[in-house]
Amino acid sequence: MGRRIAVVVGERLGRTLLELGGNNAIIVLDDANPDLAVRAVLFGAVGTAGQRCTTTRRLILQKGIAADVVSRLEKAYSQIRIGDRSTRRP
């Protein structure tokens, strides 16, 4: 699709910026630092939710690290409070 669009837009000397199904994924490979990966995922998925269009929506995890990252994310997500901060009591 990108090539086809490039030809059409190129004929009028235009520029393109395409989102071609990436859907804001984070890719985590086996040699990644799991602590850093989890922090990045939390920021990308929770820290920016509702604030920008690039909020993380999917994870692509290599098999060797997948179980550990999922376990860490489950623990991290269980600690997130949902709601309006201005109405919370300490």
PDB file of N, CA and C in Angstrom:
ATOM      1  N   MET A   1       0.822  -1.172   0.000  1.00  0.00           N
ATOM      2  CA  MET A   1       0.000   0.000   0.000  1.00  0.00           C
ATOM      3  C   MET A   1       0.874   1.247   0.000  1.00  0.00           C
ATOM      4  N   GLY A   2       1.950   1.237   0.804  1.00  0.00           N
ATOM      5  CA  GLY A   2       2.827   2.402   0.853  1.00  0.00           C
ATOM      6  C   GLY A   2       3.435   2.739  -0.497  1.00  0.00           C
ATOM      7  N   ARG A   3       3.838   1.724  -1.239  1.00  0.00           N
ATOM      8  CA  ARG A   3       4.418   1.959  -2.574  1.00  0.00           C
ATOM      9  C   ARG A   3       3.388   2.555  -3.527  1.00  0.00           C
ATOM     10  N   ARG A   4       2.171   2.040  -3.439  1.00  0.00           N
ATOM     11  CA  ARG A   4       1.119   2.534  -4.328  1.00  0.00           C
ATOM     12  C   ARG A   4       0.809   4.004  -4.026  1.00  0.00           C
ATOM     13  N   ILE A   5       0.707   4.306  -2.745  1.00  0.00           N
ATOM     14  CA  ILE A   5       0.431   5.690  -2.344  1.00  0.00           C
ATOM     15  C   ILE A   5       1.581   6.601  -2.752  1.00  0.00           C
ATOM     16  N   ALA A   6       2.817   6.126  -2.574  1.00  0.00           N
ATOM     17  CA  ALA A   6       3.989   6.930  -2.932  1.00  0.00           C
ATOM     18  C   ALA A   6       3.973   7.306  -4.406  1.00  0.00           C
ATOM     19  N   VAL A   7       3.571   6.374  -5.265  1.00  0.00           N
ATOM     20  CA  VAL A   7       3.503   6.660  -6.699  1.00  0.00           C
ATOM     21  C   VAL A   7       2.466   7.741  -6.980  1.00  0.00           C
ATOM     22  N   VAL A   8       1.289   7.586  -6.411  1.00  0.00           N
ATOM     23  CA  VAL A   8       0.198   8.542  -6.655  1.00  0.00           C
ATOM     24  C   VAL A   8       0.574   9.932  -6.150  1.00  0.00           C
ATOM     25  N   VAL A   9       1.079  10.000  -4.931  1.00  0.00           N
ATOM     26  CA  VAL A   9       1.435  11.300  -4.356  1.00  0.00           C
ATOM     27  C   VAL A   9       2.674  11.869  -5.050  1.00  0.00           C
ATOM     28  N   GLY A  10       3.619  10.993  -5.415  1.00  0.00           N
ATOM     29  CA  GLY A  10       4.826  11.432  -6.105  1.00  0.00           C
ATOM     30  C   GLY A  10       4.547  12.081  -7.439  1.00  0.00           C
ATOM     31  N   GLU A  11       3.487  11.651  -8.107  1.00  0.00           N
ATOM     32  CA  GLU A  11       3.124  12.240  -9.398  1.00  0.00           C
ATOM     33  C   GLU A  11       2.794  13.721  -9.273  1.00  0.00           C
ATOM     34  N   ARG A  12       2.388  14.149  -8.115  1.00  0.00           N
ATOM     35  CA  ARG A  12       2.096  15.571  -7.905  1.00  0.00           C
ATOM     36  C   ARG A  12       3.153  16.220  -7.015  1.00  0.00           C
ATOM     37  N   LEU A  13       4.304  15.527  -6.874  1.00  0.00           N
ATOM     38  CA  LEU A  13       5.438  15.993  -6.084  1.00  0.00           C
ATOM     39  C   LEU A  13       5.058  16.270  -4.625  1.00  0.00           C
ATOM     40  N   GLY A  14       4.136  15.484  -4.128  1.00  0.00           N
ATOM     41  CA  GLY A  14       3.705  15.629  -2.741  1.00  0.00           C
ATOM     42  C   GLY A  14       4.537  14.775  -1.799  1.00  0.00           C
ATOM     43  N   ARG A  15       4.337  14.988  -0.524  1.00  0.00           N
ATOM     44  CA  ARG A  15       5.014  14.212   0.515  1.00  0.00           C
ATOM     45  C   ARG A  15       3.984  13.367   1.244  1.00  0.00           C
ATOM     46  N   THR A  16       4.438  12.267   1.816  1.00  0.00           N
ATOM     47  CA  THR A  16       3.528  11.407   2.561  1.00  0.00           C
ATOM     48  C   THR A  16       4.080  11.130   3.959  1.00  0.00           C
ATOM     49  N   LEU A  17       3.180  10.859   4.858  1.00  0.00           N
ATOM     50  CA  LEU A  17       3.493  10.364   6.195  1.00  0.00           C
ATOM     51  C   LEU A  17       2.439   9.306   6.469  1.00  0.00           C
ATOM     52  N   LEU A  18       2.855   8.063   6.485  1.00  0.00           N
ATOM     53  CA  LEU A  18       1.893   6.966   6.550  1.00  0.00           C
ATOM     54  C   LEU A  18       2.015   6.171   7.846  1.00  0.00           C
ATOM     55  N   GLU A  19       0.877   5.778   8.395  1.00  0.00           N
ATOM     56  CA  GLU A  19       0.820   4.802   9.465  1.00  0.00           C
ATOM     57  C   GLU A  19       0.243   3.556   8.819  1.00  0.00           C
ATOM     58  N   LEU A  20       1.088   2.574   8.596  1.00  0.00           N
ATOM     59  CA  LEU A  20       0.671   1.407   7.815  1.00  0.00           C
ATOM     60  C   LEU A  20       0.472   0.175   8.692  1.00  0.00           C
ATOM     61  N   GLY A  21      -0.367   0.287   9.682  1.00  0.00           N
ATOM     62  CA  GLY A  21      -0.733  -0.875  10.482  1.00  0.00           C
ATOM     63  C   GLY A  21       0.193  -1.179  11.634  1.00  0.00           C
ATOM     64  N   GLY A  22       1.109  -0.297  11.959  1.00  0.00           N
ATOM     65  CA  GLY A  22       2.006  -0.555  13.077  1.00  0.00           C
ATOM     66  C   GLY A  22       1.299  -0.575  14.409  1.00  0.00           C
ATOM     67  N   ASN A  23       0.246   0.190  14.537  1.00  0.00           N
ATOM     68  CA  ASN A  23      -0.595   0.235  15.720  1.00  0.00           C
ATOM     69  C   ASN A  23       0.191   0.430  17.006  1.00  0.00           C
ATOM     70  N   ASN A  24       1.224   1.250  16.971  1.00  0.00           N
ATOM     71  CA  ASN A  24       1.953   1.676  18.159  1.00  0.00           C
ATOM     72  C   ASN A  24       2.439   0.522  19.023  1.00  0.00           C
ATOM     73  N   ALA A  25       3.197  -0.355  18.450  1.00  0.00           N
ATOM     74  CA  ALA A  25       3.710  -1.519  19.171  1.00  0.00           C
ATOM     75  C   ALA A  25       5.063  -1.237  19.808  1.00  0.00           C
ATOM     76  N   ILE A  26       5.339  -1.970  20.883  1.00  0.00           N
ATOM     77  CA  ILE A  26       6.681  -2.014  21.464  1.00  0.00           C
ATOM     78  C   ILE A  26       7.180  -3.435  21.253  1.00  0.00           C
ATOM     79  N   ILE A  27       8.378  -3.562  20.710  1.00  0.00           N
ATOM     80  CA  ILE A  27       8.996  -4.867  20.466  1.00  0.00           C
ATOM     81  C   ILE A  27      10.057  -5.094  21.529  1.00  0.00           C
ATOM     82  N   VAL A  28       9.956  -6.223  22.230  1.00  0.00           N
ATOM     83  CA  VAL A  28      10.916  -6.544  23.285  1.00  0.00           C
ATOM     84  C   VAL A  28      11.604  -7.859  22.912  1.00  0.00           C
ATOM     85  N   LEU A  29      12.927  -7.795  22.746  1.00  0.00           N
ATOM     86  CA  LEU A  29      13.708  -8.966  22.368  1.00  0.00           C
ATOM     87  C   LEU A  29      14.279  -9.653  23.606  1.00  0.00           C
ATOM     88  N   ASP A  30      14.723 -10.888  23.420  1.00  0.00           N
ATOM     89  CA  ASP A  30      15.232 -11.694  24.534  1.00  0.00           C
ATOM     90  C   ASP A  30      16.364 -11.032  25.308  1.00  0.00           C
ATOM     91  N   ASP A  31      17.184 -10.229  24.670  1.00  0.00           N
ATOM     92  CA  ASP A  31      18.338  -9.628  25.362  1.00  0.00           C
ATOM     93  C   ASP A  31      18.006  -8.285  26.015  1.00  0.00           C
ATOM     94  N   ALA A  32      16.722  -7.919  26.043  1.00  0.00           N
ATOM     95  CA  ALA A  32      16.315  -6.646  26.640  1.00  0.00           C
ATOM     96  C   ALA A  32      16.404  -6.703  28.161  1.00  0.00           C
ATOM     97  N   ASN A  33      16.608  -5.551  28.758  1.00  0.00           N
ATOM     98  CA  ASN A  33      16.553  -5.425  30.210  1.00  0.00           C
ATOM     99  C   ASN A  33      15.075  -5.389  30.590  1.00  0.00           C
ATOM    100  N   PRO A  34      14.579  -6.403  31.314  1.00  0.00           N
ATOM    101  CA  PRO A  34      13.140  -6.459  31.603  1.00  0.00           C
ATOM    102  C   PRO A  34      12.637  -5.268  32.419  1.00  0.00           C
ATOM    103  N   ASP A  35      13.448  -4.748  33.332  1.00  0.00           N
ATOM    104  CA  ASP A  35      13.023  -3.586  34.121  1.00  0.00           C
ATOM    105  C   ASP A  35      12.794  -2.377  33.226  1.00  0.00           C
ATOM    106  N   LEU A  36      13.721  -2.135  32.315  1.00  0.00           N
ATOM    107  CA  LEU A  36      13.571  -1.003  31.395  1.00  0.00           C
ATOM    108  C   LEU A  36      12.401  -1.214  30.440  1.00  0.00           C
ATOM    109  N   ALA A  37      12.228  -2.446  29.989  1.00  0.00           N
ATOM    110  CA  ALA A  37      11.128  -2.737  29.069  1.00  0.00           C
ATOM    111  C   ALA A  37       9.783  -2.471  29.733  1.00  0.00           C
ATOM    112  N   VAL A  38       9.631  -2.923  30.975  1.00  0.00           N
ATOM    113  CA  VAL A  38       8.362  -2.723  31.678  1.00  0.00           C
ATOM    114  C   VAL A  38       8.111  -1.234  31.915  1.00  0.00           C
ATOM    115  N   ARG A  39       9.134  -0.500  32.295  1.00  0.00           N
ATOM    116  CA  ARG A  39       8.967   0.947  32.487  1.00  0.00           C
ATOM    117  C   ARG A  39       8.550   1.630  31.183  1.00  0.00           C
ATOM    118  N   ALA A  40       9.171   1.224  30.082  1.00  0.00           N
ATOM    119  CA  ALA A  40       8.833   1.813  28.788  1.00  0.00           C
ATOM    120  C   ALA A  40       7.394   1.490  28.394  1.00  0.00           C
ATOM    121  N   VAL A  41       6.987   0.252  28.618  1.00  0.00           N
ATOM    122  CA  VAL A  41       5.620  -0.146  28.282  1.00  0.00           C
ATOM    123  C   VAL A  41       4.617   0.627  29.130  1.00  0.00           C
ATOM    124  N   LEU A  42       4.860   0.717  30.422  1.00  0.00           N
ATOM    125  CA  LEU A  42       3.939   1.448  31.291  1.00  0.00           C
ATOM    126  C   LEU A  42       3.820   2.905  30.888  1.00  0.00           C
ATOM    127  N   PHE A  43       4.949   3.539  30.612  1.00  0.00           N
ATOM    128  CA  PHE A  43       4.884   4.935  30.192  1.00  0.00           C
ATOM    129  C   PHE A  43       4.145   5.059  28.867  1.00  0.00           C
ATOM    130  N   GLY A  44       4.487   4.198  27.924  1.00  0.00           N
ATOM    131  CA  GLY A  44       3.877   4.273  26.596  1.00  0.00           C
ATOM    132  C   GLY A  44       2.397   3.952  26.584  1.00  0.00           C
ATOM    133  N   ALA A  45       1.963   3.058  27.478  1.00  0.00           N
ATOM    134  CA  ALA A  45       0.562   2.645  27.478  1.00  0.00           C
ATOM    135  C   ALA A  45      -0.282   3.382  28.503  1.00  0.00           C
ATOM    136  N   VAL A  46       0.289   3.687  29.652  1.00  0.00           N
ATOM    137  CA  VAL A  46      -0.485   4.305  30.727  1.00  0.00           C
ATOM    138  C   VAL A  46      -0.130   5.776  30.893  1.00  0.00           C
ATOM    139  N   GLY A  47       1.152   6.063  30.880  1.00  0.00           N
ATOM    140  CA  GLY A  47       1.601   7.427  31.136  1.00  0.00           C
ATOM    141  C   GLY A  47       1.157   8.429  30.100  1.00  0.00           C
ATOM    142  N   THR A  48       0.862   7.974  28.912  1.00  0.00           N
ATOM    143  CA  THR A  48       0.445   8.893  27.856  1.00  0.00           C
ATOM    144  C   THR A  48      -0.992   8.659  27.404  1.00  0.00           C
ATOM    145  N   ALA A  49      -1.705   7.770  28.063  1.00  0.00           N
ATOM    146  CA  ALA A  49      -3.072   7.448  27.649  1.00  0.00           C
ATOM    147  C   ALA A  49      -3.934   8.706  27.657  1.00  0.00           C
ATOM    148  N   GLY A  50      -4.594   8.956  26.552  1.00  0.00           N
ATOM    149  CA  GLY A  50      -5.458  10.117  26.424  1.00  0.00           C
ATOM    150  C   GLY A  50      -4.720  11.411  26.150  1.00  0.00           C
ATOM    151  N   GLN A  51      -3.410  11.362  26.106  1.00  0.00           N
ATOM    152  CA  GLN A  51      -2.627  12.583  25.930  1.00  0.00           C
ATOM    153  C   GLN A  51      -2.072  12.747  24.521  1.00  0.00           C
ATOM    154  N   ARG A  52      -1.901  11.650  23.831  1.00  0.00           N
ATOM    155  CA  ARG A  52      -1.336  11.734  22.485  1.00  0.00           C
ATOM    156  C   ARG A  52      -1.743  10.505  21.686  1.00  0.00           C
ATOM    157  N   CYS A  53      -1.628  10.583  20.403  1.00  0.00           N
ATOM    158  CA  CYS A  53      -2.099   9.497  19.544  1.00  0.00           C
ATOM    159  C   CYS A  53      -1.098   8.356  19.432  1.00  0.00           C
ATOM    160  N   THR A  54       0.025   8.470  20.091  1.00  0.00           N
ATOM    161  CA  THR A  54       1.034   7.419  19.976  1.00  0.00           C
ATOM    162  C   THR A  54       1.069   6.494  21.188  1.00  0.00           C
ATOM    163  N   THR A  55       0.011   6.470  21.970  1.00  0.00           N
ATOM    164  CA  THR A  55      -0.053   5.588  23.125  1.00  0.00           C
ATOM    165  C   THR A  55       0.127   4.141  22.676  1.00  0.00           C
ATOM    166  N   THR A  56       0.938   3.395  23.404  1.00  0.00           N
ATOM    167  CA  THR A  56       1.216   1.991  23.065  1.00  0.00           C
ATOM    168  C   THR A  56      -0.058   1.162  23.153  1.00  0.00           C
ATOM    169  N   ARG A  57      -0.281   0.352  22.118  1.00  0.00           N
ATOM    170  CA  ARG A  57      -1.475  -0.488  22.080  1.00  0.00           C
ATOM    171  C   ARG A  57      -1.170  -1.972  22.018  1.00  0.00           C
ATOM    172  N   ARG A  58       0.055  -2.332  21.619  1.00  0.00           N
ATOM    173  CA  ARG A  58       0.389  -3.758  21.530  1.00  0.00           C
ATOM    174  C   ARG A  58       1.829  -3.988  21.909  1.00  0.00           C
ATOM    175  N   LEU A  59       2.089  -5.218  22.339  1.00  0.00           N
ATOM    176  CA  LEU A  59       3.448  -5.651  22.639  1.00  0.00           C
ATOM    177  C   LEU A  59       3.785  -6.823  21.748  1.00  0.00           C
ATOM    178  N   ILE A  60       4.980  -6.811  21.247  1.00  0.00           N
ATOM    179  CA  ILE A  60       5.508  -7.956  20.512  1.00  0.00           C
ATOM    180  C   ILE A  60       6.692  -8.425  21.331  1.00  0.00           C
ATOM    181  N   LEU A  61       6.532  -9.587  21.982  1.00  0.00           N
ATOM    182  CA  LEU A  61       7.551 -10.094  22.894  1.00  0.00           C
ATOM    183  C   LEU A  61       8.187 -11.347  22.326  1.00  0.00           C
ATOM    184  N   GLN A  62       9.519 -11.388  22.345  1.00  0.00           N
ATOM    185  CA  GLN A  62      10.211 -12.595  21.932  1.00  0.00           C
ATOM    186  C   GLN A  62       9.965 -13.661  23.003  1.00  0.00           C
ATOM    187  N   LYS A  63       9.845 -14.914  22.585  1.00  0.00           N
ATOM    188  CA  LYS A  63       9.445 -15.994  23.484  1.00  0.00           C
ATOM    189  C   LYS A  63      10.284 -16.096  24.749  1.00  0.00           C
ATOM    190  N   GLY A  64      11.583 -15.893  24.641  1.00  0.00           N
ATOM    191  CA  GLY A  64      12.464 -16.073  25.782  1.00  0.00           C
ATOM    192  C   GLY A  64      12.234 -15.098  26.918  1.00  0.00           C
ATOM    193  N   ILE A  65      11.647 -13.962  26.641  1.00  0.00           N
ATOM    194  CA  ILE A  65      11.435 -12.938  27.661  1.00  0.00           C
ATOM    195  C   ILE A  65       9.944 -12.717  27.954  1.00  0.00           C
ATOM    196  N   ALA A  66       9.080 -13.302  27.160  1.00  0.00           N
ATOM    197  CA  ALA A  66       7.646 -13.020  27.231  1.00  0.00           C
ATOM    198  C   ALA A  66       7.037 -13.287  28.599  1.00  0.00           C
ATOM    199  N   ALA A  67       7.248 -14.455  29.161  1.00  0.00           N
ATOM    200  CA  ALA A  67       6.620 -14.803  30.444  1.00  0.00           C
ATOM    201  C   ALA A  67       7.058 -13.851  31.552  1.00  0.00           C
ATOM    202  N   ASP A  68       8.341 -13.521  31.593  1.00  0.00           N
ATOM    203  CA  ASP A  68       8.854 -12.617  32.619  1.00  0.00           C
ATOM    204  C   ASP A  68       8.265 -11.221  32.467  1.00  0.00           C
ATOM    205  N   VAL A  69       8.233 -10.713  31.256  1.00  0.00           N
ATOM    206  CA  VAL A  69       7.703  -9.366  31.024  1.00  0.00           C
ATOM    207  C   VAL A  69       6.212  -9.321  31.352  1.00  0.00           C
ATOM    208  N   VAL A  70       5.459 -10.318  30.938  1.00  0.00           N
ATOM    209  CA  VAL A  70       4.022 -10.350  31.227  1.00  0.00           C
ATOM    210  C   VAL A  70       3.791 -10.391  32.739  1.00  0.00           C
ATOM    211  N   SER A  71       4.553 -11.204  33.448  1.00  0.00           N
ATOM    212  CA  SER A  71       4.421 -11.284  34.907  1.00  0.00           C
ATOM    213  C   SER A  71       4.707  -9.941  35.566  1.00  0.00           C
ATOM    214  N   ARG A  72       5.769  -9.285  35.136  1.00  0.00           N
ATOM    215  CA  ARG A  72       6.118  -7.972  35.683  1.00  0.00           C
ATOM    216  C   ARG A  72       5.052  -6.925  35.356  1.00  0.00           C
ATOM    217  N   LEU A  73       4.512  -6.985  34.146  1.00  0.00           N
ATOM    218  CA  LEU A  73       3.469  -6.032  33.766  1.00  0.00           C
ATOM    219  C   LEU A  73       2.190  -6.256  34.573  1.00  0.00           C
ATOM    220  N   GLU A  74       1.834  -7.505  34.812  1.00  0.00           N
ATOM    221  CA  GLU A  74       0.653  -7.788  35.628  1.00  0.00           C
ATOM    222  C   GLU A  74       0.813  -7.176  37.017  1.00  0.00           C
ATOM    223  N   LYS A  75       1.989  -7.347  37.606  1.00  0.00           N
ATOM    224  CA  LYS A  75       2.244  -6.771  38.930  1.00  0.00           C
ATOM    225  C   LYS A  75       2.185  -5.242  38.881  1.00  0.00           C
ATOM    226  N   ALA A  76       2.803  -4.655  37.874  1.00  0.00           N
ATOM    227  CA  ALA A  76       2.823  -3.199  37.741  1.00  0.00           C
ATOM    228  C   ALA A  76       1.420  -2.641  37.516  1.00  0.00           C
ATOM    229  N   TYR A  77       0.656  -3.264  36.627  1.00  0.00           N
ATOM    230  CA  TYR A  77      -0.686  -2.783  36.335  1.00  0.00           C
ATOM    231  C   TYR A  77      -1.604  -2.904  37.546  1.00  0.00           C
ATOM    232  N   SER A  78      -1.382  -3.895  38.393  1.00  0.00           N
ATOM    233  CA  SER A  78      -2.236  -4.064  39.575  1.00  0.00           C
ATOM    234  C   SER A  78      -2.067  -2.921  40.572  1.00  0.00           C
ATOM    235  N   GLN A  79      -0.997  -2.146  40.438  1.00  0.00           N
ATOM    236  CA  GLN A  79      -0.720  -1.045  41.350  1.00  0.00           C
ATOM    237  C   GLN A  79      -1.210   0.307  40.822  1.00  0.00           C
ATOM    238  N   ILE A  80      -1.741   0.318  39.629  1.00  0.00           N
ATOM    239  CA  ILE A  80      -2.187   1.576  39.019  1.00  0.00           C
ATOM    240  C   ILE A  80      -3.591   1.908  39.510  1.00  0.00           C
ATOM    241  N   ARG A  81      -3.746   3.112  40.007  1.00  0.00           N
ATOM    242  CA  ARG A  81      -5.065   3.586  40.426  1.00  0.00           C
ATOM    243  C   ARG A  81      -5.738   4.251  39.243  1.00  0.00           C
ATOM    244  N   ILE A  82      -7.010   3.972  39.092  1.00  0.00           N
ATOM    245  CA  ILE A  82      -7.776   4.536  37.986  1.00  0.00           C
ATOM    246  C   ILE A  82      -8.760   5.549  38.553  1.00  0.00           C
ATOM    247  N   GLY A  83      -8.860   6.693  37.913  1.00  0.00           N
ATOM    248  CA  GLY A  83      -9.819   7.695  38.333  1.00  0.00           C
ATOM    249  C   GLY A  83      -9.218   9.078  38.308  1.00  0.00           C
ATOM    250  N   ASP A  84     -10.025  10.024  38.696  1.00  0.00           N
ATOM    251  CA  ASP A  84      -9.646  11.427  38.714  1.00  0.00           C
ATOM    252  C   ASP A  84      -8.826  11.708  39.975  1.00  0.00           C
ATOM    253  N   ARG A  85      -7.600  12.094  39.807  1.00  0.00           N
ATOM    254  CA  ARG A  85      -6.732  12.360  40.957  1.00  0.00           C
ATOM    255  C   ARG A  85      -7.260  13.469  41.854  1.00  0.00           C
ATOM    256  N   SER A  86      -7.961  14.422  41.286  1.00  0.00           N
ATOM    257  CA  SER A  86      -8.420  15.561  42.074  1.00  0.00           C
ATOM    258  C   SER A  86      -9.487  15.161  43.097  1.00  0.00           C
ATOM    259  N   THR A  87     -10.127  14.026  42.924  1.00  0.00           N
ATOM    260  CA  THR A  87     -11.164  13.597  43.859  1.00  0.00           C
ATOM    261  C   THR A  87     -10.666  12.556  44.846  1.00  0.00           C
ATOM    262  N   ARG A  88      -9.425  12.152  44.768  1.00  0.00           N
ATOM    263  CA  ARG A  88      -8.868  11.130  45.660  1.00  0.00           C
ATOM    264  C   ARG A  88      -8.443  11.732  46.994  1.00  0.00           C
ATOM    265  N   ARG A  89      -8.615  10.941  47.981  1.00  0.00           N
ATOM    266  CA  ARG A  89      -8.116  11.333  49.307  1.00  0.00           C
ATOM    267  C   ARG A  89      -6.806  10.613  49.566  1.00  0.00           C
ATOM    268  N   PRO A  90      -5.896  11.257  50.303  1.00  0.00           N
ATOM    269  CA  PRO A  90      -4.599  10.606  50.581  1.00  0.00           C
ATOM    270  C   PRO A  90      -4.727   9.361  51.410  1.00  0.00           C
TER     271      PRO A  90
END
